[in-house]
Amino acid sequence: MFIAILIYKKPLSEVDKYLQAHRDYLAEHYADGVFIASGPQNPRIGGVIMIKATDREAVNAIISQDPFNINGIAGYQIVEFTPTMFCDESLQTLL
């Protein structure tokens, strides 16, 4: 499991120009079961995406498709972790 922490490198006026394309990208990866959760940081300095992937290479390939990445809108910090506790046991199936 991975968490991508996005930090905007451009003003929000630039971010907003690519927001719909970014949301379309998110929807595509939710549909294929790769994205688990996502949303903006508060304050709005970037976002967070929880990703189900086999390895860092797979995550890098996915992130390379993000319009925010392609257009230099955001930088990405990727954190890999192994979930061991869950609020609901059904979440273990996400692994």
PDB file of N, CA and C in Angstrom:
ATOM      1  N   MET A   1       0.860  -1.165   0.000  1.00  0.00           N
ATOM      2  CA  MET A   1       0.000   0.000   0.000  1.00  0.00           C
ATOM      3  C   MET A   1       0.907   1.229   0.000  1.00  0.00           C
ATOM      4  N   PHE A   2       0.445   2.256  -0.683  1.00  0.00           N
ATOM      5  CA  PHE A   2       1.235   3.478  -0.813  1.00  0.00           C
ATOM      6  C   PHE A   2       0.345   4.693  -0.567  1.00  0.00           C
ATOM      7  N   ILE A   3       0.968   5.738  -0.078  1.00  0.00           N
ATOM      8  CA  ILE A   3       0.299   7.030   0.038  1.00  0.00           C
ATOM      9  C   ILE A   3       1.118   8.029  -0.772  1.00  0.00           C
ATOM     10  N   ALA A   4       0.457   8.709  -1.686  1.00  0.00           N
ATOM     11  CA  ALA A   4       1.091   9.785  -2.448  1.00  0.00           C
ATOM     12  C   ALA A   4       0.654  11.102  -1.829  1.00  0.00           C
ATOM     13  N   ILE A   5       1.629  11.886  -1.408  1.00  0.00           N
ATOM     14  CA  ILE A   5       1.358  13.207  -0.849  1.00  0.00           C
ATOM     15  C   ILE A   5       1.764  14.228  -1.906  1.00  0.00           C
ATOM     16  N   LEU A   6       0.778  14.947  -2.424  1.00  0.00           N
ATOM     17  CA  LEU A   6       1.012  15.937  -3.468  1.00  0.00           C
ATOM     18  C   LEU A   6       1.159  17.310  -2.828  1.00  0.00           C
ATOM     19  N   ILE A   7       2.150  18.047  -3.283  1.00  0.00           N
ATOM     20  CA  ILE A   7       2.345  19.438  -2.859  1.00  0.00           C
ATOM     21  C   ILE A   7       2.330  20.295  -4.123  1.00  0.00           C
ATOM     22  N   TYR A   8       1.439  21.276  -4.152  1.00  0.00           N
ATOM     23  CA  TYR A   8       1.338  22.138  -5.322  1.00  0.00           C
ATOM     24  C   TYR A   8       2.603  22.975  -5.492  1.00  0.00           C
ATOM     25  N   LYS A   9       3.055  23.061  -6.735  1.00  0.00           N
ATOM     26  CA  LYS A   9       4.218  23.875  -7.088  1.00  0.00           C
ATOM     27  C   LYS A   9       3.789  25.146  -7.806  1.00  0.00           C
ATOM     28  N   LYS A  10       2.500  25.260  -8.084  1.00  0.00           N
ATOM     29  CA  LYS A  10       1.955  26.401  -8.814  1.00  0.00           C
ATOM     30  C   LYS A  10       0.829  27.025  -7.987  1.00  0.00           C
ATOM     31  N   PRO A  11       0.459  28.274  -8.276  1.00  0.00           N
ATOM     32  CA  PRO A  11      -0.659  28.914  -7.578  1.00  0.00           C
ATOM     33  C   PRO A  11      -1.978  28.169  -7.838  1.00  0.00           C
ATOM     34  N   LEU A  12      -2.927  28.337  -6.940  1.00  0.00           N
ATOM     35  CA  LEU A  12      -4.216  27.652  -7.085  1.00  0.00           C
ATOM     36  C   LEU A  12      -4.913  27.993  -8.397  1.00  0.00           C
ATOM     37  N   SER A  13      -4.677  29.166  -8.937  1.00  0.00           N
ATOM     38  CA  SER A  13      -5.291  29.518 -10.217  1.00  0.00           C
ATOM     39  C   SER A  13      -4.798  28.577 -11.324  1.00  0.00           C
ATOM     40  N   GLU A  14      -3.545  28.155 -11.263  1.00  0.00           N
ATOM     41  CA  GLU A  14      -2.994  27.177 -12.219  1.00  0.00           C
ATOM     42  C   GLU A  14      -3.512  25.785 -11.904  1.00  0.00           C
ATOM     43  N   VAL A  15      -3.547  25.432 -10.616  1.00  0.00           N
ATOM     44  CA  VAL A  15      -4.051  24.121 -10.185  1.00  0.00           C
ATOM     45  C   VAL A  15      -5.462  23.917 -10.731  1.00  0.00           C
ATOM     46  N   ASP A  16      -6.297  24.920 -10.574  1.00  0.00           N
ATOM     47  CA  ASP A  16      -7.704  24.807 -10.972  1.00  0.00           C
ATOM     48  C   ASP A  16      -7.877  24.583 -12.481  1.00  0.00           C
ATOM     49  N   LYS A  17      -6.932  25.028 -13.281  1.00  0.00           N
ATOM     50  CA  LYS A  17      -7.004  24.809 -14.729  1.00  0.00           C
ATOM     51  C   LYS A  17      -6.901  23.321 -15.076  1.00  0.00           C
ATOM     52  N   TYR A  18      -6.229  22.557 -14.224  1.00  0.00           N
ATOM     53  CA  TYR A  18      -6.005  21.129 -14.483  1.00  0.00           C
ATOM     54  C   TYR A  18      -6.825  20.222 -13.566  1.00  0.00           C
ATOM     55  N   LEU A  19      -7.676  20.832 -12.736  1.00  0.00           N
ATOM     56  CA  LEU A  19      -8.410  20.063 -11.732  1.00  0.00           C
ATOM     57  C   LEU A  19      -9.353  19.026 -12.345  1.00  0.00           C
ATOM     58  N   GLN A  20     -10.084  19.380 -13.392  1.00  0.00           N
ATOM     59  CA  GLN A  20     -11.006  18.412 -13.986  1.00  0.00           C
ATOM     60  C   GLN A  20     -10.246  17.252 -14.616  1.00  0.00           C
ATOM     61  N   ALA A  21      -9.152  17.540 -15.302  1.00  0.00           N
ATOM     62  CA  ALA A  21      -8.337  16.464 -15.887  1.00  0.00           C
ATOM     63  C   ALA A  21      -7.774  15.563 -14.788  1.00  0.00           C
ATOM     64  N   HIS A  22      -7.367  16.153 -13.671  1.00  0.00           N
ATOM     65  CA  HIS A  22      -6.867  15.378 -12.528  1.00  0.00           C
ATOM     66  C   HIS A  22      -7.980  14.496 -11.961  1.00  0.00           C
ATOM     67  N   ARG A  23      -9.173  15.049 -11.840  1.00  0.00           N
ATOM     68  CA  ARG A  23     -10.314  14.259 -11.324  1.00  0.00           C
ATOM     69  C   ARG A  23     -10.669  13.120 -12.273  1.00  0.00           C
ATOM     70  N   ASP A  24     -10.578  13.339 -13.562  1.00  0.00           N
ATOM     71  CA  ASP A  24     -10.814  12.267 -14.533  1.00  0.00           C
ATOM     72  C   ASP A  24      -9.776  11.161 -14.370  1.00  0.00           C
ATOM     73  N   TYR A  25      -8.536  11.553 -14.160  1.00  0.00           N
ATOM     74  CA  TYR A  25      -7.439  10.606 -13.900  1.00  0.00           C
ATOM     75  C   TYR A  25      -7.742   9.799 -12.637  1.00  0.00           C
ATOM     76  N   LEU A  26      -8.173  10.476 -11.574  1.00  0.00           N
ATOM     77  CA  LEU A  26      -8.526   9.780 -10.335  1.00  0.00           C
ATOM     78  C   LEU A  26      -9.646   8.771 -10.587  1.00  0.00           C
ATOM     79  N   ALA A  27     -10.689   9.194 -11.279  1.00  0.00           N
ATOM     80  CA  ALA A  27     -11.838   8.322 -11.546  1.00  0.00           C
ATOM     81  C   ALA A  27     -11.422   7.067 -12.302  1.00  0.00           C
ATOM     82  N   GLU A  28     -10.514   7.221 -13.248  1.00  0.00           N
ATOM     83  CA  GLU A  28     -10.020   6.070 -14.020  1.00  0.00           C
ATOM     84  C   GLU A  28      -9.359   5.041 -13.100  1.00  0.00           C
ATOM     85  N   HIS A  29      -8.572   5.522 -12.144  1.00  0.00           N
ATOM     86  CA  HIS A  29      -7.858   4.599 -11.261  1.00  0.00           C
ATOM     87  C   HIS A  29      -8.731   4.081 -10.116  1.00  0.00           C
ATOM     88  N   TYR A  30      -9.781   4.804  -9.765  1.00  0.00           N
ATOM     89  CA  TYR A  30     -10.783   4.225  -8.851  1.00  0.00           C
ATOM     90  C   TYR A  30     -11.506   3.087  -9.556  1.00  0.00           C
ATOM     91  N   ALA A  31     -11.839   3.292 -10.818  1.00  0.00           N
ATOM     92  CA  ALA A  31     -12.569   2.273 -11.587  1.00  0.00           C
ATOM     93  C   ALA A  31     -11.768   0.984 -11.732  1.00  0.00           C
ATOM     94  N   ASP A  32     -10.433   1.102 -11.847  1.00  0.00           N
ATOM     95  CA  ASP A  32      -9.636  -0.112 -11.984  1.00  0.00           C
ATOM     96  C   ASP A  32      -9.181  -0.683 -10.641  1.00  0.00           C
ATOM     97  N   GLY A  33      -9.653  -0.095  -9.530  1.00  0.00           N
ATOM     98  CA  GLY A  33      -9.391  -0.637  -8.204  1.00  0.00           C
ATOM     99  C   GLY A  33      -8.035  -0.311  -7.619  1.00  0.00           C
ATOM    100  N   VAL A  34      -7.321   0.631  -8.212  1.00  0.00           N
ATOM    101  CA  VAL A  34      -5.984   0.977  -7.740  1.00  0.00           C
ATOM    102  C   VAL A  34      -6.022   2.058  -6.652  1.00  0.00           C
ATOM    103  N   PHE A  35      -6.917   3.030  -6.782  1.00  0.00           N
ATOM    104  CA  PHE A  35      -7.013   4.085  -5.788  1.00  0.00           C
ATOM    105  C   PHE A  35      -8.053   3.701  -4.737  1.00  0.00           C
ATOM    106  N   ILE A  36      -7.693   3.923  -3.480  1.00  0.00           N
ATOM    107  CA  ILE A  36      -8.548   3.559  -2.351  1.00  0.00           C
ATOM    108  C   ILE A  36      -9.258   4.786  -1.780  1.00  0.00           C
ATOM    109  N   ALA A  37      -8.529   5.880  -1.650  1.00  0.00           N
ATOM    110  CA  ALA A  37      -9.082   7.126  -1.105  1.00  0.00           C
ATOM    111  C   ALA A  37      -8.214   8.279  -1.592  1.00  0.00           C
ATOM    112  N   SER A  38      -8.808   9.467  -1.672  1.00  0.00           N
ATOM    113  CA  SER A  38      -8.046  10.648  -2.077  1.00  0.00           C
ATOM    114  C   SER A  38      -8.784  11.892  -1.625  1.00  0.00           C
ATOM    115  N   GLY A  39      -8.055  12.989  -1.616  1.00  0.00           N
ATOM    116  CA  GLY A  39      -8.689  14.262  -1.287  1.00  0.00           C
ATOM    117  C   GLY A  39      -7.658  15.349  -1.100  1.00  0.00           C
ATOM    118  N   PRO A  40      -8.135  16.594  -1.023  1.00  0.00           N
ATOM    119  CA  PRO A  40      -7.226  17.728  -0.853  1.00  0.00           C
ATOM    120  C   PRO A  40      -6.722  17.824   0.586  1.00  0.00           C
ATOM    121  N   GLN A  41      -5.542  18.393   0.731  1.00  0.00           N
ATOM    122  CA  GLN A  41      -5.045  18.716   2.066  1.00  0.00           C
ATOM    123  C   GLN A  41      -5.789  19.954   2.562  1.00  0.00           C
ATOM    124  N   ASN A  42      -5.779  20.136   3.858  1.00  0.00           N
ATOM    125  CA  ASN A  42      -6.398  21.303   4.461  1.00  0.00           C
ATOM    126  C   ASN A  42      -5.367  21.966   5.360  1.00  0.00           C
ATOM    127  N   PRO A  43      -4.856  23.140   5.030  1.00  0.00           N
ATOM    128  CA  PRO A  43      -5.247  24.022   3.938  1.00  0.00           C
ATOM    129  C   PRO A  43      -4.876  23.423   2.582  1.00  0.00           C
ATOM    130  N   ARG A  44      -5.434  24.003   1.543  1.00  0.00           N
ATOM    131  CA  ARG A  44      -5.310  23.463   0.188  1.00  0.00           C
ATOM    132  C   ARG A  44      -3.932  23.769  -0.414  1.00  0.00           C
ATOM    133  N   ILE A  45      -2.947  22.978   0.037  1.00  0.00           N
ATOM    134  CA  ILE A  45      -1.579  23.115  -0.482  1.00  0.00           C
ATOM    135  C   ILE A  45      -1.191  21.913  -1.335  1.00  0.00           C
ATOM    136  N   GLY A  46      -2.115  20.987  -1.496  1.00  0.00           N
ATOM    137  CA  GLY A  46      -1.855  19.767  -2.249  1.00  0.00           C
ATOM    138  C   GLY A  46      -2.942  18.755  -1.959  1.00  0.00           C
ATOM    139  N   GLY A  47      -2.610  17.485  -2.123  1.00  0.00           N
ATOM    140  CA  GLY A  47      -3.597  16.436  -1.906  1.00  0.00           C
ATOM    141  C   GLY A  47      -2.933  15.155  -1.432  1.00  0.00           C
ATOM    142  N   VAL A  48      -3.766  14.131  -1.230  1.00  0.00           N
ATOM    143  CA  VAL A  48      -3.311  12.826  -0.770  1.00  0.00           C
ATOM    144  C   VAL A  48      -4.070  11.763  -1.554  1.00  0.00           C
ATOM    145  N   ILE A  49      -3.346  10.724  -1.987  1.00  0.00           N
ATOM    146  CA  ILE A  49      -3.968   9.589  -2.661  1.00  0.00           C
ATOM    147  C   ILE A  49      -3.468   8.308  -2.009  1.00  0.00           C
ATOM    148  N   MET A  50      -4.374   7.436  -1.593  1.00  0.00           N
ATOM    149  CA  MET A  50      -4.006   6.113  -1.098  1.00  0.00           C
ATOM    150  C   MET A  50      -4.093   5.153  -2.274  1.00  0.00           C
ATOM    151  N   ILE A  51      -3.005   4.428  -2.503  1.00  0.00           N
ATOM    152  CA  ILE A  51      -2.854   3.620  -3.715  1.00  0.00           C
ATOM    153  C   ILE A  51      -2.562   2.163  -3.354  1.00  0.00           C
ATOM    154  N   LYS A  52      -3.276   1.258  -4.006  1.00  0.00           N
ATOM    155  CA  LYS A  52      -2.999  -0.175  -3.890  1.00  0.00           C
ATOM    156  C   LYS A  52      -2.174  -0.563  -5.109  1.00  0.00           C
ATOM    157  N   ALA A  53      -0.902  -0.909  -4.894  1.00  0.00           N
ATOM    158  CA  ALA A  53      -0.011  -1.263  -6.000  1.00  0.00           C
ATOM    159  C   ALA A  53       0.984  -2.311  -5.527  1.00  0.00           C
ATOM    160  N   THR A  54       1.537  -3.046  -6.473  1.00  0.00           N
ATOM    161  CA  THR A  54       2.460  -4.129  -6.142  1.00  0.00           C
ATOM    162  C   THR A  54       3.827  -3.626  -5.716  1.00  0.00           C
ATOM    163  N   ASP A  55       4.276  -2.504  -6.295  1.00  0.00           N
ATOM    164  CA  ASP A  55       5.599  -1.992  -5.966  1.00  0.00           C
ATOM    165  C   ASP A  55       5.713  -0.522  -6.367  1.00  0.00           C
ATOM    166  N   ARG A  56       6.836   0.066  -6.018  1.00  0.00           N
ATOM    167  CA  ARG A  56       7.073   1.491  -6.273  1.00  0.00           C
ATOM    168  C   ARG A  56       7.083   1.792  -7.776  1.00  0.00           C
ATOM    169  N   GLU A  57       7.602   0.871  -8.585  1.00  0.00           N
ATOM    170  CA  GLU A  57       7.602   1.072 -10.032  1.00  0.00           C
ATOM    171  C   GLU A  57       6.190   1.255 -10.568  1.00  0.00           C
ATOM    172  N   ALA A  58       5.264   0.440 -10.068  1.00  0.00           N
ATOM    173  CA  ALA A  58       3.861   0.552 -10.493  1.00  0.00           C
ATOM    174  C   ALA A  58       3.295   1.907 -10.095  1.00  0.00           C
ATOM    175  N   VAL A  59       3.618   2.354  -8.889  1.00  0.00           N
ATOM    176  CA  VAL A  59       3.150   3.662  -8.421  1.00  0.00           C
ATOM    177  C   VAL A  59       3.726   4.766  -9.310  1.00  0.00           C
ATOM    178  N   ASN A  60       5.012   4.689  -9.612  1.00  0.00           N
ATOM    179  CA  ASN A  60       5.639   5.696 -10.469  1.00  0.00           C
ATOM    180  C   ASN A  60       4.968   5.752 -11.841  1.00  0.00           C
ATOM    181  N   ALA A  61       4.611   4.590 -12.381  1.00  0.00           N
ATOM    182  CA  ALA A  61       3.937   4.553 -13.677  1.00  0.00           C
ATOM    183  C   ALA A  61       2.563   5.211 -13.598  1.00  0.00           C
ATOM    184  N   ILE A  62       1.854   4.969 -12.506  1.00  0.00           N
ATOM    185  CA  ILE A  62       0.528   5.568 -12.317  1.00  0.00           C
ATOM    186  C   ILE A  62       0.647   7.085 -12.160  1.00  0.00           C
ATOM    187  N   ILE A  63       1.567   7.525 -11.325  1.00  0.00           N
ATOM    188  CA  ILE A  63       1.750   8.955 -11.072  1.00  0.00           C
ATOM    189  C   ILE A  63       2.188   9.682 -12.350  1.00  0.00           C
ATOM    190  N   SER A  64       2.938   8.996 -13.200  1.00  0.00           N
ATOM    191  CA  SER A  64       3.405   9.639 -14.439  1.00  0.00           C
ATOM    192  C   SER A  64       2.244  10.023 -15.353  1.00  0.00           C
ATOM    193  N   GLN A  65       1.071   9.433 -15.143  1.00  0.00           N
ATOM    194  CA  GLN A  65      -0.110   9.722 -15.956  1.00  0.00           C
ATOM    195  C   GLN A  65      -0.943  10.899 -15.426  1.00  0.00           C
ATOM    196  N   ASP A  66      -0.652  11.335 -14.212  1.00  0.00           N
ATOM    197  CA  ASP A  66      -1.454  12.391 -13.583  1.00  0.00           C
ATOM    198  C   ASP A  66      -1.226  13.723 -14.294  1.00  0.00           C
ATOM    199  N   PRO A  67      -2.295  14.372 -14.756  1.00  0.00           N
ATOM    200  CA  PRO A  67      -2.138  15.692 -15.382  1.00  0.00           C
ATOM    201  C   PRO A  67      -1.415  16.700 -14.487  1.00  0.00           C
ATOM    202  N   PHE A  68      -1.546  16.585 -13.167  1.00  0.00           N
ATOM    203  CA  PHE A  68      -0.810  17.474 -12.268  1.00  0.00           C
ATOM    204  C   PHE A  68       0.696  17.229 -12.398  1.00  0.00           C
ATOM    205  N   ASN A  69       1.091  15.985 -12.594  1.00  0.00           N
ATOM    206  CA  ASN A  69       2.502  15.658 -12.778  1.00  0.00           C
ATOM    207  C   ASN A  69       2.971  16.079 -14.173  1.00  0.00           C
ATOM    208  N   ILE A  70       2.230  15.709 -15.175  1.00  0.00           N
ATOM    209  CA  ILE A  70       2.592  15.994 -16.569  1.00  0.00           C
ATOM    210  C   ILE A  70       2.797  17.490 -16.791  1.00  0.00           C
ATOM    211  N   ASN A  71       1.976  18.314 -16.140  1.00  0.00           N
ATOM    212  CA  ASN A  71       2.009  19.767 -16.345  1.00  0.00           C
ATOM    213  C   ASN A  71       2.772  20.530 -15.260  1.00  0.00           C
ATOM    214  N   GLY A  72       3.514  19.802 -14.421  1.00  0.00           N
ATOM    215  CA  GLY A  72       4.343  20.453 -13.405  1.00  0.00           C
ATOM    216  C   GLY A  72       3.559  21.170 -12.327  1.00  0.00           C
ATOM    217  N   ILE A  73       2.332  20.738 -12.065  1.00  0.00           N
ATOM    218  CA  ILE A  73       1.472  21.395 -11.083  1.00  0.00           C
ATOM    219  C   ILE A  73       1.815  20.966  -9.655  1.00  0.00           C
ATOM    220  N   ALA A  74       2.200  19.690  -9.484  1.00  0.00           N
ATOM    221  CA  ALA A  74       2.449  19.170  -8.143  1.00  0.00           C
ATOM    222  C   ALA A  74       3.706  18.318  -8.104  1.00  0.00           C
ATOM    223  N   GLY A  75       4.343  18.307  -6.936  1.00  0.00           N
ATOM    224  CA  GLY A  75       5.413  17.371  -6.629  1.00  0.00           C
ATOM    225  C   GLY A  75       4.810  16.258  -5.787  1.00  0.00           C
ATOM    226  N   TYR A  76       5.469  15.107  -5.742  1.00  0.00           N
ATOM    227  CA  TYR A  76       4.914  13.922  -5.086  1.00  0.00           C
ATOM    228  C   TYR A  76       5.909  13.332  -4.101  1.00  0.00           C
ATOM    229  N   GLN A  77       5.443  13.082  -2.884  1.00  0.00           N
ATOM    230  CA  GLN A  77       6.198  12.278  -1.926  1.00  0.00           C
ATOM    231  C   GLN A  77       5.443  10.965  -1.823  1.00  0.00           C
ATOM    232  N   ILE A  78       6.109   9.852  -2.049  1.00  0.00           N
ATOM    233  CA  ILE A  78       5.478   8.544  -2.007  1.00  0.00           C
ATOM    234  C   ILE A  78       5.932   7.829  -0.738  1.00  0.00           C
ATOM    235  N   VAL A  79       4.963   7.354   0.039  1.00  0.00           N
ATOM    236  CA  VAL A  79       5.235   6.623   1.280  1.00  0.00           C
ATOM    237  C   VAL A  79       4.662   5.221   1.127  1.00  0.00           C
ATOM    238  N   GLU A  80       5.521   4.211   1.273  1.00  0.00           N
ATOM    239  CA  GLU A  80       5.048   2.823   1.250  1.00  0.00           C
ATOM    240  C   GLU A  80       4.829   2.374   2.689  1.00  0.00           C
ATOM    241  N   PHE A  81       3.729   1.651   2.918  1.00  0.00           N
ATOM    242  CA  PHE A  81       3.482   1.115   4.254  1.00  0.00           C
ATOM    243  C   PHE A  81       2.749  -0.209   4.150  1.00  0.00           C
ATOM    244  N   THR A  82       2.814  -0.974   5.235  1.00  0.00           N
ATOM    245  CA  THR A  82       2.133  -2.258   5.308  1.00  0.00           C
ATOM    246  C   THR A  82       1.046  -2.156   6.370  1.00  0.00           C
ATOM    247  N   PRO A  83      -0.215  -2.092   5.952  1.00  0.00           N
ATOM    248  CA  PRO A  83      -1.305  -2.002   6.927  1.00  0.00           C
ATOM    249  C   PRO A  83      -1.372  -3.287   7.761  1.00  0.00           C
ATOM    250  N   THR A  84      -1.471  -3.117   9.064  1.00  0.00           N
ATOM    251  CA  THR A  84      -1.588  -4.275   9.953  1.00  0.00           C
ATOM    252  C   THR A  84      -2.822  -4.219  10.847  1.00  0.00           C
ATOM    253  N   MET A  85      -3.435  -3.065  10.950  1.00  0.00           N
ATOM    254  CA  MET A  85      -4.661  -2.921  11.738  1.00  0.00           C
ATOM    255  C   MET A  85      -5.690  -2.164  10.905  1.00  0.00           C
ATOM    256  N   PHE A  86      -6.963  -2.498  11.118  1.00  0.00           N
ATOM    257  CA  PHE A  86      -8.049  -1.930  10.331  1.00  0.00           C
ATOM    258  C   PHE A  86      -9.229  -1.601  11.237  1.00  0.00           C
ATOM    259  N   CYS A  87      -9.967  -0.559  10.893  1.00  0.00           N
ATOM    260  CA  CYS A  87     -11.168  -0.211  11.660  1.00  0.00           C
ATOM    261  C   CYS A  87     -12.272  -1.215  11.382  1.00  0.00           C
ATOM    262  N   ASP A  88     -12.203  -1.862  10.227  1.00  0.00           N
ATOM    263  CA  ASP A  88     -13.197  -2.850   9.809  1.00  0.00           C
ATOM    264  C   ASP A  88     -12.451  -3.975   9.104  1.00  0.00           C
ATOM    265  N   GLU A  89     -12.671  -5.186   9.529  1.00  0.00           N
ATOM    266  CA  GLU A  89     -11.945  -6.331   8.962  1.00  0.00           C
ATOM    267  C   GLU A  89     -12.134  -6.477   7.454  1.00  0.00           C
ATOM    268  N   SER A  90     -13.247  -5.982   6.924  1.00  0.00           N
ATOM    269  CA  SER A  90     -13.465  -6.097   5.474  1.00  0.00           C
ATOM    270  C   SER A  90     -12.421  -5.292   4.687  1.00  0.00           C
ATOM    271  N   LEU A  91     -11.778  -4.338   5.335  1.00  0.00           N
ATOM    272  CA  LEU A  91     -10.749  -3.546   4.660  1.00  0.00           C
ATOM    273  C   LEU A  91      -9.495  -4.372   4.341  1.00  0.00           C
ATOM    274  N   GLN A  92      -9.306  -5.485   5.034  1.00  0.00           N
ATOM    275  CA  GLN A  92      -8.148  -6.332   4.755  1.00  0.00           C
ATOM    276  C   GLN A  92      -8.194  -6.863   3.328  1.00  0.00           C
ATOM    277  N   THR A  93      -9.355  -6.943   2.748  1.00  0.00           N
ATOM    278  CA  THR A  93      -9.472  -7.440   1.369  1.00  0.00           C
ATOM    279  C   THR A  93      -8.845  -6.470   0.382  1.00  0.00           C
ATOM    280  N   LEU A  94      -8.580  -5.241   0.803  1.00  0.00           N
ATOM    281  CA  LEU A  94      -7.957  -4.267  -0.083  1.00  0.00           C
ATOM    282  C   LEU A  94      -6.500  -4.630  -0.386  1.00  0.00           C
ATOM    283  N   LEU A  95      -5.918  -5.420   0.478  1.00  0.00           N
ATOM    284  CA  LEU A  95      -4.519  -5.804   0.262  1.00  0.00           C
ATOM    285  C   LEU A  95      -4.483  -6.791  -0.847  1.00  0.00           C
TER     286      LEU A  95
END
